[in-house]
Amino acid sequence: MAMAPLMLSRRPALPKRCGGCDRPASACDVHHIRHKSDSGETSIHNCGLFCEFHHEACIHRWGWEVILHPDGTMEARSPDGRRLLRNQSPPSQRAA
């Protein structure tokens, strides 16, 4: 589990992905957009910060899918096909 300290040290550089959520980044979980079990890498371009509710309930329990587009925008889709779009700037080159 050598990645945990790395990810914690990079937490301020990760983009917060919960649209409209007021939880501070320090209270959020790191989530792999493409899951590690699906060969998702642990990188600033594949991870985002989600509060516990959005991470555990919406993504993992209710099955919302998070898609990070090449331009840095994010889309969250519910299992029934509804979409919640949230524009988010891509991480700066300095953060990477």
Protein backbone atom coordinates (compact mmCIF):
# COMPACT_ATOMS: atom_id res chain seq x y z
CA MET A 1 0.00 0.00 0.00
CA ALA A 2 2.76 2.44 -0.87
CA MET A 3 0.28 4.55 -2.86
CA ALA A 4 -1.68 5.82 0.16
CA PRO A 5 1.03 8.25 1.38
CA LEU A 6 1.60 9.41 -2.19
CA MET A 7 -2.07 10.14 -2.71
CA LEU A 8 -2.42 11.88 0.64
CA SER A 9 0.54 14.11 -0.17
CA ARG A 10 -1.02 14.98 -3.56
CA ARG A 11 -4.53 15.58 -2.18
CA PRO A 12 -4.37 19.39 -2.55
CA ALA A 13 -3.54 18.98 -6.26
CA LEU A 14 -6.48 16.68 -7.01
CA PRO A 15 -9.58 18.33 -8.43
CA LYS A 16 -12.71 18.20 -6.32
CA ARG A 17 -15.35 16.50 -8.46
CA CYS A 18 -18.59 16.82 -6.44
CA GLY A 19 -20.62 19.41 -8.27
CA GLY A 20 -22.27 21.78 -5.82
CA CYS A 21 -20.91 19.96 -2.76
CA ASP A 22 -19.64 22.21 0.01
CA ARG A 23 -17.39 19.68 1.78
CA PRO A 24 -13.75 20.82 1.93
CA ALA A 25 -11.15 18.77 0.06
CA SER A 26 -9.63 17.71 3.38
CA ALA A 27 -12.89 15.87 4.19
CA CYS A 28 -13.08 14.06 0.85
CA ASP A 29 -12.10 10.61 -0.39
CA VAL A 30 -9.78 9.97 -3.32
CA HIS A 31 -11.67 8.08 -6.03
CA HIS A 32 -10.21 6.41 -9.11
CA ILE A 33 -12.31 7.47 -12.12
CA ARG A 34 -11.25 4.30 -13.91
CA HIS A 35 -11.16 1.80 -11.08
CA LYS A 36 -7.89 0.13 -10.14
CA SER A 37 -9.55 -3.25 -10.71
CA ASP A 38 -10.12 -2.15 -14.35
CA SER A 39 -6.42 -1.26 -14.76
CA GLY A 40 -6.97 2.36 -13.74
CA GLU A 41 -3.77 4.09 -12.76
CA THR A 42 -3.21 6.03 -9.58
CA SER A 43 -2.52 9.43 -11.07
CA ILE A 44 -3.75 12.98 -10.82
CA HIS A 45 -5.47 12.53 -14.19
CA ASN A 46 -7.43 9.46 -13.05
CA CYS A 47 -8.36 10.48 -9.53
CA GLY A 48 -10.68 13.04 -8.03
CA LEU A 49 -11.95 14.05 -4.63
CA PHE A 50 -15.50 13.18 -3.64
CA CYS A 51 -17.18 13.71 -0.27
CA GLU A 52 -18.14 10.53 1.56
CA PHE A 53 -21.79 10.73 0.44
CA HIS A 54 -21.03 11.23 -3.26
CA HIS A 55 -18.22 8.65 -3.18
CA GLU A 56 -19.72 5.85 -1.10
CA ALA A 57 -23.47 6.29 -1.74
CA CYS A 58 -23.75 7.71 -5.24
CA ILE A 59 -20.79 6.01 -6.92
CA HIS A 60 -20.27 2.74 -5.07
CA ARG A 61 -23.72 1.94 -3.63
CA TRP A 62 -26.09 3.44 -6.21
CA GLY A 63 -23.86 2.84 -9.24
CA TRP A 64 -23.34 6.31 -10.69
CA GLU A 65 -20.62 6.32 -13.34
CA VAL A 66 -18.05 9.09 -13.43
CA ILE A 67 -16.48 9.99 -16.76
CA LEU A 68 -13.51 12.32 -17.03
CA HIS A 69 -13.26 13.76 -20.54
CA PRO A 70 -9.91 14.64 -22.20
CA ASP A 71 -10.70 18.37 -21.89
CA GLY A 72 -10.94 18.04 -18.10
CA THR A 73 -14.73 18.22 -17.83
CA MET A 74 -16.49 15.57 -15.82
CA GLU A 75 -19.81 13.87 -16.35
CA ALA A 76 -21.70 11.75 -13.84
CA ARG A 77 -24.37 9.37 -15.08
CA SER A 78 -26.96 7.65 -12.95
CA PRO A 79 -27.70 3.98 -13.59
CA ASP A 80 -31.05 4.88 -15.23
CA GLY A 81 -29.34 7.12 -17.79
CA ARG A 82 -30.05 10.56 -16.32
CA ARG A 83 -27.06 12.85 -16.58
CA LEU A 84 -25.64 15.37 -14.21
CA LEU A 85 -23.00 17.43 -15.97
CA ARG A 86 -20.37 19.31 -14.07
CA ASN A 87 -17.68 21.33 -15.74
CA GLN A 88 -14.36 21.18 -13.98
CA SER A 89 -11.11 22.61 -15.21
CA PRO A 90 -8.38 20.07 -15.81
CA PRO A 91 -5.53 19.89 -13.30
CA SER A 92 -2.87 22.47 -14.06
CA GLN A 93 0.41 21.26 -15.52
CA ARG A 94 2.09 22.53 -12.35
CA ALA A 95 -0.06 20.17 -10.25
CA ALA A 96 0.88 17.18 -12.38
